[in-house]
């Protein structure tokens, strides 16, 4: 499966980082929120995943959610 990465797109001074993985038929948006100063060792505090079509329509989970928040042990693994 082919994919393209769009990494670290962020507005100046923002503590939110947007990453996107684009596959052939869909894309995954990863939104990371940090605490602390971004230029002085920030700490990742939250990671959200959103799956979209290539036309930017959100794809919902079976439970109707449009985003997934990584928590607990999965968040610890993601941070490594």
Protein backbone atom coordinates (compact mmCIF):
# COMPACT_ATOMS: atom_id res chain seq x y z
CA UNK A 1 0.00 0.00 0.00
CA UNK A 2 1.40 3.39 -0.98
CA UNK A 3 1.43 6.25 1.50
CA UNK A 4 2.68 9.80 1.91
CA UNK A 5 3.61 11.53 5.17
CA UNK A 6 2.89 15.16 5.98
CA UNK A 7 4.68 15.77 9.26
CA UNK A 8 4.75 18.57 11.82
CA UNK A 9 2.45 21.10 10.20
CA UNK A 10 1.88 23.66 12.93
CA UNK A 11 1.20 27.33 13.37
CA UNK A 12 3.96 29.42 14.93
CA UNK A 13 3.72 29.42 18.75
CA UNK A 14 1.06 26.71 18.84
CA UNK A 15 1.24 23.72 21.20
CA UNK A 16 -0.68 21.54 18.71
CA UNK A 17 1.08 19.54 15.98
CA UNK A 18 -0.79 18.06 13.01
CA UNK A 19 0.57 14.99 11.20
CA UNK A 20 -1.14 13.25 8.28
CA UNK A 21 -0.58 9.86 6.68
CA UNK A 22 -2.19 9.70 3.24
CA UNK A 23 -2.93 6.26 1.79
CA UNK A 24 -4.38 5.40 -1.63
CA UNK A 25 -8.03 5.63 -0.54
CA UNK A 26 -8.07 7.38 2.87
CA UNK A 27 -5.94 9.43 5.26
CA UNK A 28 -5.24 9.48 8.98
CA UNK A 29 -4.92 12.79 10.79
CA UNK A 30 -2.89 12.71 14.00
CA UNK A 31 -3.31 15.66 16.33
CA UNK A 32 -0.76 15.91 19.13
CA UNK A 33 -1.14 18.39 21.99
CA UNK A 34 1.88 19.38 24.08
CA UNK A 35 2.34 21.20 27.39
CA UNK A 36 5.22 23.54 28.07
CA UNK A 37 7.17 25.68 25.65
CA UNK A 38 7.55 24.15 22.21
CA UNK A 39 11.17 25.30 21.92
CA UNK A 40 12.15 24.09 25.41
CA UNK A 41 11.49 20.34 25.74
CA UNK A 42 7.67 20.14 25.44
CA UNK A 43 5.80 17.14 26.86
CA UNK A 44 3.19 15.25 24.82
CA UNK A 45 -0.07 15.15 26.78
CA UNK A 46 -2.66 14.02 24.23
CA UNK A 47 -2.90 12.30 20.84
CA UNK A 48 -6.05 12.11 18.71
CA UNK A 49 -6.54 10.11 15.52
CA UNK A 50 -9.11 10.92 12.86
CA UNK A 51 -9.69 8.85 9.72
CA UNK A 52 -10.91 10.75 6.65
CA UNK A 53 -11.67 10.12 3.02
CA UNK A 54 -9.42 11.82 0.49
CA UNK A 55 -12.22 14.43 0.18
CA UNK A 56 -11.81 15.25 3.92
CA UNK A 57 -15.07 13.58 5.02
CA UNK A 58 -14.73 12.05 8.50
CA UNK A 59 -15.13 8.28 8.68
CA UNK A 60 -16.91 7.26 11.87
CA UNK A 61 -16.26 4.17 13.98
CA UNK A 62 -18.91 1.52 14.57
CA UNK A 63 -19.87 3.39 17.75
CA UNK A 64 -20.33 6.64 15.82
CA UNK A 65 -17.19 8.40 17.01
CA UNK A 66 -15.22 10.46 14.51
CA UNK A 67 -11.97 10.51 16.50
CA UNK A 68 -10.05 8.19 18.77
CA UNK A 69 -8.07 9.44 21.76
CA UNK A 70 -5.06 7.31 22.72
CA UNK A 71 -5.11 6.55 26.47
CA UNK A 72 -3.35 4.47 29.09
CA UNK A 73 -0.72 1.95 28.03
CA UNK A 74 -1.36 2.65 24.34
CA UNK A 75 -0.47 6.30 24.95
CA UNK A 76 2.73 5.28 26.74
CA UNK A 77 3.73 3.11 23.76
CA UNK A 78 2.85 5.93 21.33
CA UNK A 79 5.07 8.37 23.26
CA UNK A 80 8.10 6.08 22.92
